[in-house]
C-alpha atoms as a PDB file:
ATOM      1  CA  UNK A   1       0.000   0.000   0.000  1.00  0.00           C
ATOM      2  CA  UNK A   2       2.812   2.411   0.897  1.00  0.00           C
ATOM      3  CA  UNK A   3       4.515   1.658  -2.418  1.00  0.00           C
ATOM      4  CA  UNK A   4       1.321   2.436  -4.334  1.00  0.00           C
ATOM      5  CA  UNK A   5       0.846   5.724  -2.499  1.00  0.00           C
ATOM      6  CA  UNK A   6       4.455   6.713  -3.132  1.00  0.00           C
ATOM      7  CA  UNK A   7       4.030   5.992  -6.838  1.00  0.00           C
ATOM      8  CA  UNK A   8       0.836   8.024  -7.051  1.00  0.00           C
ATOM      9  CA  UNK A   9       2.503  10.885  -5.219  1.00  0.00           C
ATOM     10  CA  UNK A  10       5.523  10.807  -7.527  1.00  0.00           C
ATOM     11  CA  UNK A  11       3.298  11.182 -10.592  1.00  0.00           C
ATOM     12  CA  UNK A  12       1.182  13.901  -8.996  1.00  0.00           C
ATOM     13  CA  UNK A  13      -1.944  11.756  -9.004  1.00  0.00           C
ATOM     14  CA  UNK A  14      -2.764  12.487  -5.375  1.00  0.00           C
ATOM     15  CA  UNK A  15      -2.441  15.581  -3.234  1.00  0.00           C
ATOM     16  CA  UNK A  16      -1.315  15.277   0.379  1.00  0.00           C
ATOM     17  CA  UNK A  17      -0.270  17.849   2.982  1.00  0.00           C
ATOM     18  CA  UNK A  18       3.451  18.611   2.709  1.00  0.00           C
ATOM     19  CA  UNK A  19       5.420  20.015   5.639  1.00  0.00           C
ATOM     20  CA  UNK A  20       8.668  21.593   4.447  1.00  0.00           C
ATOM     21  CA  UNK A  21      11.504  22.452   6.793  1.00  0.00           C
ATOM     22  CA  UNK A  22      13.794  25.408   6.085  1.00  0.00           C
ATOM     23  CA  UNK A  23      16.855  24.662   3.987  1.00  0.00           C
ATOM     24  CA  UNK A  24      20.205  23.616   5.421  1.00  0.00           C
ATOM     25  CA  UNK A  25      21.306  27.212   4.973  1.00  0.00           C
ATOM     26  CA  UNK A  26      19.305  30.416   4.549  1.00  0.00           C
ATOM     27  CA  UNK A  27      17.766  31.015   1.146  1.00  0.00           C
ATOM     28  CA  UNK A  28      20.453  32.194  -1.250  1.00  0.00           C
ATOM     29  CA  UNK A  29      21.123  32.757  -4.937  1.00  0.00           C
ATOM     30  CA  UNK A  30      24.276  30.636  -5.171  1.00  0.00           C
ATOM     31  CA  UNK A  31      24.341  28.114  -7.999  1.00  0.00           C
ATOM     32  CA  UNK A  32      26.956  25.599  -9.117  1.00  0.00           C
ATOM     33  CA  UNK A  33      26.195  23.810 -12.372  1.00  0.00           C
ATOM     34  CA  UNK A  34      27.600  20.506 -13.575  1.00  0.00           C
ATOM     35  CA  UNK A  35      30.916  21.375 -15.225  1.00  0.00           C
ATOM     36  CA  UNK A  36      31.197  24.786 -13.560  1.00  0.00           C
ATOM     37  CA  UNK A  37      34.822  25.962 -13.514  1.00  0.00           C
ATOM     38  CA  UNK A  38      34.498  26.850  -9.826  1.00  0.00           C
ATOM     39  CA  UNK A  39      33.137  23.439  -8.859  1.00  0.00           C
ATOM     40  CA  UNK A  40      35.048  20.989  -6.704  1.00  0.00           C
ATOM     41  CA  UNK A  41      35.892  17.469  -7.885  1.00  0.00           C
ATOM     42  CA  UNK A  42      32.597  15.871  -6.806  1.00  0.00           C
ATOM     43  CA  UNK A  43      31.180  13.358  -9.285  1.00  0.00           C
ATOM     44  CA  UNK A  44      27.664  12.030  -9.606  1.00  0.00           C
ATOM     45  CA  UNK A  45      28.943   8.598  -8.597  1.00  0.00           C
ATOM     46  CA  UNK A  46      30.442   9.899  -5.331  1.00  0.00           C
ATOM     47  CA  UNK A  47      27.353  12.045  -4.741  1.00  0.00           C
ATOM     48  CA  UNK A  48      25.229   8.893  -4.776  1.00  0.00           C
ATOM     49  CA  UNK A  49      27.723   6.783  -2.842  1.00  0.00           C
ATOM     50  CA  UNK A  50      27.833   9.288   0.013  1.00  0.00           C
ATOM     51  CA  UNK A  51      24.049   9.443   0.188  1.00  0.00           C
ATOM     52  CA  UNK A  52      23.898   5.638   0.077  1.00  0.00           C
ATOM     53  CA  UNK A  53      26.129   5.362   3.151  1.00  0.00           C
ATOM     54  CA  UNK A  54      23.755   7.424   5.264  1.00  0.00           C
ATOM     55  CA  UNK A  55      20.671   5.725   3.846  1.00  0.00           C
ATOM     56  CA  UNK A  56      22.105   2.297   4.660  1.00  0.00           C
ATOM     57  CA  UNK A  57      22.295   3.268   8.323  1.00  0.00           C
ATOM     58  CA  UNK A  58      19.131   5.302   8.757  1.00  0.00           C
ATOM     59  CA  UNK A  59      16.544   3.741   6.430  1.00  0.00           C
ATOM     60  CA  UNK A  60      16.149   0.799   8.866  1.00  0.00           C
ATOM     61  CA  UNK A  61      15.985   3.187  11.832  1.00  0.00           C
ATOM     62  CA  UNK A  62      13.178   5.172  10.233  1.00  0.00           C
ATOM     63  CA  UNK A  63      11.409   1.993   9.112  1.00  0.00           C
ATOM     64  CA  UNK A  64      11.206   0.920  12.758  1.00  0.00           C
ATOM     65  CA  UNK A  65       9.424   4.206  13.433  1.00  0.00           C
ATOM     66  CA  UNK A  66       6.830   3.357  10.800  1.00  0.00           C
ATOM     67  CA  UNK A  67       8.262   5.694   8.201  1.00  0.00           C
ATOM     68  CA  UNK A  68      10.109   5.485   4.906  1.00  0.00           C
ATOM     69  CA  UNK A  69      13.290   7.457   4.228  1.00  0.00           C
ATOM     70  CA  UNK A  70      13.070   8.988   0.753  1.00  0.00           C
ATOM     71  CA  UNK A  71      16.222  10.599  -0.648  1.00  0.00           C
ATOM     72  CA  UNK A  72      15.610  12.838  -3.645  1.00  0.00           C
ATOM     73  CA  UNK A  73      18.950  12.974  -5.456  1.00  0.00           C
ATOM     74  CA  UNK A  74      18.903  16.172  -7.493  1.00  0.00           C
ATOM     75  CA  UNK A  75      22.405  15.936  -8.977  1.00  0.00           C
ATOM     76  CA  UNK A  76      21.773  18.226 -11.942  1.00  0.00           C
ATOM     77  CA  UNK A  77      20.079  20.895  -9.836  1.00  0.00           C
ATOM     78  CA  UNK A  78      22.331  23.948  -9.346  1.00  0.00           C
ATOM     79  CA  UNK A  79      20.919  24.920  -5.948  1.00  0.00           C
ATOM     80  CA  UNK A  80      23.424  25.308  -3.112  1.00  0.00           C
ATOM     81  CA  UNK A  81      21.231  24.026  -0.310  1.00  0.00           C
ATOM     82  CA  UNK A  82      19.384  20.966   1.004  1.00  0.00           C
ATOM     83  CA  UNK A  83      16.037  20.470   2.713  1.00  0.00           C
ATOM     84  CA  UNK A  84      13.735  18.059   4.516  1.00  0.00           C
ATOM     85  CA  UNK A  85      10.018  17.377   4.123  1.00  0.00           C
ATOM     86  CA  UNK A  86       7.496  15.242   5.966  1.00  0.00           C
ATOM     87  CA  UNK A  87       4.772  13.846   3.729  1.00  0.00           C
ATOM     88  CA  UNK A  88       2.517  11.434   5.626  1.00  0.00           C
ATOM     89  CA  UNK A  89       4.915   8.619   6.609  1.00  0.00           C
ATOM     90  CA  UNK A  90       7.603   9.644   4.106  1.00  0.00           C
ATOM     91  CA  UNK A  91      10.693  11.203   5.637  1.00  0.00           C
ATOM     92  CA  UNK A  92      11.906  13.128   2.606  1.00  0.00           C
ATOM     93  CA  UNK A  93      15.404  14.582   2.183  1.00  0.00           C
ATOM     94  CA  UNK A  94      16.245  16.735  -0.844  1.00  0.00           C
ATOM     95  CA  UNK A  95      19.949  16.804  -1.746  1.00  0.00           C
ATOM     96  CA  UNK A  96      21.086  19.153  -4.497  1.00  0.00           C
ATOM     97  CA  UNK A  97      24.089  18.787  -6.765  1.00  0.00           C
ATOM     98  CA  UNK A  98      24.871  22.486  -6.478  1.00  0.00           C
ATOM     99  CA  UNK A  99      25.678  22.043  -2.796  1.00  0.00           C
ATOM    100  CA  UNK A 100      27.766  18.936  -3.416  1.00  0.00           C
ATOM    101  CA  UNK A 101      29.767  20.745  -6.116  1.00  0.00           C
ATOM    102  CA  UNK A 102      30.448  23.925  -4.121  1.00  0.00           C
ATOM    103  CA  UNK A 103      34.181  24.558  -3.758  1.00  0.00           C
ATOM    104  CA  UNK A 104      33.970  24.757   0.048  1.00  0.00           C
ATOM    105  CA  UNK A 105      32.215  21.407   0.426  1.00  0.00           C
ATOM    106  CA  UNK A 106      34.287  18.262   0.942  1.00  0.00           C
ATOM    107  CA  UNK A 107      32.888  14.757   0.597  1.00  0.00           C
ATOM    108  CA  UNK A 108      32.636  14.492   4.392  1.00  0.00           C
ATOM    109  CA  UNK A 109      30.948  17.884   4.610  1.00  0.00           C
ATOM    110  CA  UNK A 110      28.357  16.747   2.080  1.00  0.00           C
ATOM    111  CA  UNK A 111      27.748  13.623   4.162  1.00  0.00           C
ATOM    112  CA  UNK A 112      27.279  15.841   7.207  1.00  0.00           C
ATOM    113  CA  UNK A 113      24.584  17.812   5.369  1.00  0.00           C
ATOM    114  CA  UNK A 114      22.764  14.558   4.576  1.00  0.00           C
ATOM    115  CA  UNK A 115      23.014  13.809   8.298  1.00  0.00           C
ATOM    116  CA  UNK A 116      21.679  17.267   9.141  1.00  0.00           C
ATOM    117  CA  UNK A 117      18.601  16.737   6.977  1.00  0.00           C
ATOM    118  CA  UNK A 118      17.986  13.272   8.422  1.00  0.00           C
ATOM    119  CA  UNK A 119      18.387  14.967  11.792  1.00  0.00           C
ATOM    120  CA  UNK A 120      15.416  17.221  11.115  1.00  0.00           C
ATOM    121  CA  UNK A 121      13.343  14.032  11.020  1.00  0.00           C
ATOM    122  CA  UNK A 122      14.795  12.039  13.939  1.00  0.00           C
ATOM    123  CA  UNK A 123      17.199  14.379  15.740  1.00  0.00           C
ATOM    124  CA  UNK A 124      14.907  14.895  18.711  1.00  0.00           C
ATOM    125  CA  UNK A 125      14.403  17.935  20.917  1.00  0.00           C
ATOM    126  CA  UNK A 126      14.516  20.860  20.738  1.00  0.00           C
ATOM    127  CA  UNK A 127      12.107  21.027  17.840  1.00  0.00           C
ATOM    128  CA  UNK A 128      10.969  23.983  15.784  1.00  0.00           C
ATOM    129  CA  UNK A 129       8.269  25.625  17.878  1.00  0.00           C
ATOM    130  CA  UNK A 130       5.852  25.802  14.946  1.00  0.00           C
ATOM    131  CA  UNK A 131       6.423  22.167  13.939  1.00  0.00           C
ATOM    132  CA  UNK A 132       5.455  18.845  15.493  1.00  0.00           C
ATOM    133  CA  UNK A 133       8.046  16.820  13.608  1.00  0.00           C
ATOM    134  CA  UNK A 134      11.160  18.830  12.781  1.00  0.00           C
ATOM    135  CA  UNK A 135      14.179  19.221  15.035  1.00  0.00           C
ATOM    136  CA  UNK A 136      15.392  22.804  14.871  1.00  0.00           C
ATOM    137  CA  UNK A 137      18.471  23.881  12.921  1.00  0.00           C
ATOM    138  CA  UNK A 138      20.908  23.767  15.816  1.00  0.00           C
ATOM    139  CA  UNK A 139      19.686  20.347  16.916  1.00  0.00           C
ATOM    140  CA  UNK A 140      19.951  18.979  13.369  1.00  0.00           C
ATOM    141  CA  UNK A 141      23.576  20.185  13.319  1.00  0.00           C
ATOM    142  CA  UNK A 142      24.220  18.628  16.739  1.00  0.00           C
ATOM    143  CA  UNK A 143      22.652  15.316  15.716  1.00  0.00           C
ATOM    144  CA  UNK A 144      24.810  15.354  12.605  1.00  0.00           C
ATOM    145  CA  UNK A 145      28.100  14.898  14.471  1.00  0.00           C
ATOM    146  CA  UNK A 146      26.746  13.488  17.738  1.00  0.00           C
ATOM    147  CA  UNK A 147      25.078  10.473  16.128  1.00  0.00           C
ATOM    148  CA  UNK A 148      24.798  10.314  12.347  1.00  0.00           C
ATOM    149  CA  UNK A 149      28.320  11.040  11.102  1.00  0.00           C
ATOM    150  CA  UNK A 150      29.900   8.790  13.719  1.00  0.00           C
ATOM    151  CA  UNK A 151      27.405   6.012  13.084  1.00  0.00           C
ATOM    152  CA  UNK A 152      27.834   6.225   9.310  1.00  0.00           C
ATOM    153  CA  UNK A 153      31.642   6.171   9.260  1.00  0.00           C
ATOM    154  CA  UNK A 154      32.532   4.228  12.418  1.00  0.00           C
ATOM    155  CA  UNK A 155      33.549   1.077  10.526  1.00  0.00           C
ATOM    156  CA  UNK A 156      35.904   2.849   8.120  1.00  0.00           C
ATOM    157  CA  UNK A 157      39.672   2.999   8.649  1.00  0.00           C
ATOM    158  CA  UNK A 158      39.525   6.495  10.065  1.00  0.00           C
ATOM    159  CA  UNK A 159      43.125   6.435  11.282  1.00  0.00           C
ATOM    160  CA  UNK A 160      44.325   5.826   7.730  1.00  0.00           C
ATOM    161  CA  UNK A 161      41.882   8.342   6.267  1.00  0.00           C
ATOM    162  CA  UNK A 162      43.074  11.102   8.601  1.00  0.00           C
ATOM    163  CA  UNK A 163      46.780  10.178   8.508  1.00  0.00           C
ATOM    164  CA  UNK A 164      47.782  12.774   5.906  1.00  0.00           C
ATOM    165  CA  UNK A 165      45.209  15.429   6.764  1.00  0.00           C
ATOM    166  CA  UNK A 166      46.292  18.722   8.325  1.00  0.00           C
ATOM    167  CA  UNK A 167      44.412  18.717  11.627  1.00  0.00           C
ATOM    168  CA  UNK A 168      44.558  21.707  13.990  1.00  0.00           C
ATOM    169  CA  UNK A 169      46.382  20.875  17.217  1.00  0.00           C
ATOM    170  CA  UNK A 170      43.437  22.239  19.180  1.00  0.00           C
ATOM    171  CA  UNK A 171      41.083  19.727  17.567  1.00  0.00           C
ATOM    172  CA  UNK A 172      43.451  16.845  18.248  1.00  0.00           C
ATOM    173  CA  UNK A 173      43.890  17.922  21.875  1.00  0.00           C
ATOM    174  CA  UNK A 174      40.168  18.181  22.538  1.00  0.00           C
ATOM    175  CA  UNK A 175      39.270  14.991  20.664  1.00  0.00           C
ATOM    176  CA  UNK A 176      42.016  12.994  22.377  1.00  0.00           C
ATOM    177  CA  UNK A 177      40.794  14.094  25.801  1.00  0.00           C
ATOM    178  CA  UNK A 178      37.398  12.523  25.081  1.00  0.00           C
ATOM    179  CA  UNK A 179      38.457   9.670  22.787  1.00  0.00           C
ATOM    180  CA  UNK A 180      41.927   8.310  23.633  1.00  0.00           C
ATOM    181  CA  UNK A 181      41.473   5.239  21.401  1.00  0.00           C
ATOM    182  CA  UNK A 182      43.051   5.908  17.992  1.00  0.00           C
ATOM    183  CA  UNK A 183      40.056   5.025  15.829  1.00  0.00           C
ATOM    184  CA  UNK A 184      37.571   7.053  17.858  1.00  0.00           C
ATOM    185  CA  UNK A 185      40.029   9.954  18.005  1.00  0.00           C
ATOM    186  CA  UNK A 186      40.347   9.948  14.220  1.00  0.00           C
ATOM    187  CA  UNK A 187      36.563   9.823  13.788  1.00  0.00           C
ATOM    188  CA  UNK A 188      36.187  12.821  16.107  1.00  0.00           C
ATOM    189  CA  UNK A 189      38.781  14.719  14.072  1.00  0.00           C
ATOM    190  CA  UNK A 190      37.064  13.741  10.839  1.00  0.00           C
ATOM    191  CA  UNK A 191      33.661  14.954  12.006  1.00  0.00           C
ATOM    192  CA  UNK A 192      35.140  18.213  13.276  1.00  0.00           C
ATOM    193  CA  UNK A 193      36.806  18.962   9.942  1.00  0.00           C
ATOM    194  CA  UNK A 194      33.580  18.204   8.079  1.00  0.00           C
ATOM    195  CA  UNK A 195      31.953  20.848  10.254  1.00  0.00           C
ATOM    196  CA  UNK A 196      34.783  23.264   9.502  1.00  0.00           C
ATOM    197  CA  UNK A 197      34.162  22.851   5.769  1.00  0.00           C
ATOM    198  CA  UNK A 198      30.489  23.668   6.228  1.00  0.00           C
ATOM    199  CA  UNK A 199      31.300  26.662   8.412  1.00  0.00           C
ATOM    200  CA  UNK A 200      33.393  28.019   5.545  1.00  0.00           C
ATOM    201  CA  UNK A 201      30.418  27.626   3.213  1.00  0.00           C
ATOM    202  CA  UNK A 202      28.020  29.152   5.725  1.00  0.00           C
ATOM    203  CA  UNK A 203      30.353  32.033   6.499  1.00  0.00           C
ATOM    204  CA  UNK A 204      30.856  33.015   2.888  1.00  0.00           C
ATOM    205  CA  UNK A 205      34.462  31.859   2.850  1.00  0.00           C
ATOM    206  CA  UNK A 206      35.188  32.705   6.486  1.00  0.00           C
ATOM    207  CA  UNK A 207      35.043  29.406   8.293  1.00  0.00           C
ATOM    208  CA  UNK A 208      35.447  30.491  11.899  1.00  0.00           C
ATOM    209  CA  UNK A 209      37.875  28.876  14.309  1.00  0.00           C
ATOM    210  CA  UNK A 210      37.627  25.938  16.672  1.00  0.00           C
ATOM    211  CA  UNK A 211      39.314  27.824  19.514  1.00  0.00           C
ATOM    212  CA  UNK A 212      37.265  31.039  19.273  1.00  0.00           C
ATOM    213  CA  UNK A 213      33.701  29.934  20.039  1.00  0.00           C
ATOM    214  CA  UNK A 214      30.734  32.233  19.636  1.00  0.00           C
ATOM    215  CA  UNK A 215      30.320  34.067  22.947  1.00  0.00           C
ATOM    216  CA  UNK A 216      26.695  35.017  22.522  1.00  0.00           C
ATOM    217  CA  UNK A 217      24.157  33.618  24.987  1.00  0.00           C
ATOM    218  CA  UNK A 218      20.542  33.447  23.816  1.00  0.00           C
ATOM    219  CA  UNK A 219      17.583  34.242  26.058  1.00  0.00           C
ATOM    220  CA  UNK A 220      15.427  31.661  24.294  1.00  0.00           C
ATOM    221  CA  UNK A 221      16.352  28.752  22.060  1.00  0.00           C
ATOM    222  CA  UNK A 222      16.874  29.864  18.473  1.00  0.00           C
ATOM    223  CA  UNK A 223      15.055  27.537  16.081  1.00  0.00           C
ATOM    224  CA  UNK A 224      16.471  29.124  12.943  1.00  0.00           C
ATOM    225  CA  UNK A 225      19.952  29.137  11.416  1.00  0.00           C
ATOM    226  CA  UNK A 226      22.641  30.172  13.906  1.00  0.00           C
ATOM    227  CA  UNK A 227      25.667  32.159  12.734  1.00  0.00           C
ATOM    228  CA  UNK A 228      28.489  30.244  11.023  1.00  0.00           C
ATOM    229  CA  UNK A 229      30.795  30.271  14.080  1.00  0.00           C
ATOM    230  CA  UNK A 230      27.959  29.075  16.291  1.00  0.00           C
ATOM    231  CA  UNK A 231      27.242  26.218  13.895  1.00  0.00           C
ATOM    232  CA  UNK A 232      30.928  25.256  13.829  1.00  0.00           C
ATOM    233  CA  UNK A 233      30.836  25.195  17.637  1.00  0.00           C
ATOM    234  CA  UNK A 234      27.809  22.896  17.461  1.00  0.00           C
ATOM    235  CA  UNK A 235      29.459  20.483  15.034  1.00  0.00           C
ATOM    236  CA  UNK A 236      32.594  20.404  17.191  1.00  0.00           C
ATOM    237  CA  UNK A 237      30.703  19.854  20.440  1.00  0.00           C
ATOM    238  CA  UNK A 238      28.646  17.083  18.862  1.00  0.00           C
ATOM    239  CA  UNK A 239      31.867  15.404  17.752  1.00  0.00           C
ATOM    240  CA  UNK A 240      33.293  15.715  21.290  1.00  0.00           C
ATOM    241  CA  UNK A 241      30.309  14.222  23.117  1.00  0.00           C
ATOM    242  CA  UNK A 242      31.172  10.706  24.257  1.00  0.00           C
ATOM    243  CA  UNK A 243      27.609   9.470  24.610  1.00  0.00           C
ATOM    244  CA  UNK A 244      27.027   6.150  22.869  1.00  0.00           C
ATOM    245  CA  UNK A 245      25.880   6.602  19.280  1.00  0.00           C
ATOM    246  CA  UNK A 246      23.030   4.167  19.909  1.00  0.00           C
ATOM    247  CA  UNK A 247      21.677   6.089  22.918  1.00  0.00           C
ATOM    248  CA  UNK A 248      18.321   7.357  21.703  1.00  0.00           C
ATOM    249  CA  UNK A 249      17.500  11.045  21.588  1.00  0.00           C
ATOM    250  CA  UNK A 250      14.094  12.088  22.890  1.00  0.00           C
ATOM    251  CA  UNK A 251      11.505  13.918  20.823  1.00  0.00           C
ATOM    252  CA  UNK A 252      10.455  15.938  23.882  1.00  0.00           C
ATOM    253  CA  UNK A 253      13.444  16.140  26.239  1.00  0.00           C
ATOM    254  CA  UNK A 254      16.848  17.389  24.992  1.00  0.00           C
ATOM    255  CA  UNK A 255      18.784  15.593  27.740  1.00  0.00           C
ATOM    256  CA  UNK A 256      18.609  11.831  26.934  1.00  0.00           C
ATOM    257  CA  UNK A 257      21.269  10.613  24.519  1.00  0.00           C
ATOM    258  CA  UNK A 258      23.248  13.849  24.684  1.00  0.00           C
ATOM    259  CA  UNK A 259      25.880  15.581  26.788  1.00  0.00           C
ATOM    260  CA  UNK A 260      24.000  17.988  29.049  1.00  0.00           C
ATOM    261  CA  UNK A 261      25.041  20.689  31.497  1.00  0.00           C
ATOM    262  CA  UNK A 262      22.347  19.576  33.926  1.00  0.00           C
ATOM    263  CA  UNK A 263      24.270  16.324  34.266  1.00  0.00           C
ATOM    264  CA  UNK A 264      27.486  18.130  35.039  1.00  0.00           C
ATOM    265  CA  UNK A 265      28.903  18.036  31.538  1.00  0.00           C
ATOM    266  CA  UNK A 266      30.858  20.931  30.051  1.00  0.00           C
ATOM    267  CA  UNK A 267      32.222  19.234  26.916  1.00  0.00           C
ATOM    268  CA  UNK A 268      30.066  18.002  24.054  1.00  0.00           C
ATOM    269  CA  UNK A 269      27.118  20.170  25.075  1.00  0.00           C
ATOM    270  CA  UNK A 270      24.860  22.264  22.867  1.00  0.00           C
ATOM    271  CA  UNK A 271      26.336  25.777  22.527  1.00  0.00           C
ATOM    272  CA  UNK A 272      24.534  28.601  24.303  1.00  0.00           C
ATOM    273  CA  UNK A 273      24.730  30.743  21.164  1.00  0.00           C
ATOM    274  CA  UNK A 274      21.556  28.977  20.018  1.00  0.00           C
ATOM    275  CA  UNK A 275      20.384  26.716  22.875  1.00  0.00           C
ATOM    276  CA  UNK A 276      18.735  27.857  26.099  1.00  0.00           C
ATOM    277  CA  UNK A 277      18.733  25.045  28.689  1.00  0.00           C
ATOM    278  CA  UNK A 278      15.797  24.802  31.035  1.00  0.00           C
ATOM    279  CA  UNK A 279      16.659  26.302  34.402  1.00  0.00           C
END
């Protein structure tokens, strides 16, 4: 029955309510076409392979929730963004080739955006105040490195992958303090650098710094897109949280499955530049 409905929807033969979440980044006029001279080296094959890795992990997770993960692979689309939609039981993620081809976006950064969009669907609280289903932007970022990126790439040879990568000493120091085992350390570094790549995109070429976190403190939780430095802080803190990747996040309570100040944690916590903990 679900397959029939999906087919009818695809051909526009039925109309159903569609709930669209904001894009990964604010609306913009950036475009990167296939073959653009400013594009990175991303290929359609790698574009699909990266998406496949995340789908392999999270399609079964969403199936257990009674949903179906639907990845719309818009390789030829020039848009530099990504988005999530909830259509009945379909957990839709729209991934655009323009984003994947942007010169600031590495393969790992693209994977982290896929994770971010999946995070809107299953990333837990805090959620967008006007939505019953979507985790807010900061939480989708946090979920990306806290759970999804680590879960997707945990079985790869991360030590080898990171061996010849220039990693800031500050990142290594902080990751090693939380993850002394070599493989977990390398995965923490890898997630952090994916976040750095996205911060460069989000900051218009200025990627922020790991050791200069955003000092702003919000009065209420910000559901929308935080500033680039704040988002880098979120990616880094998610990577540093040592909670088990299989510890479930709650749809109502931001504490379970995460590193929380209320539990005496100071590392791996959601940054105060977008998150207001309950007093």
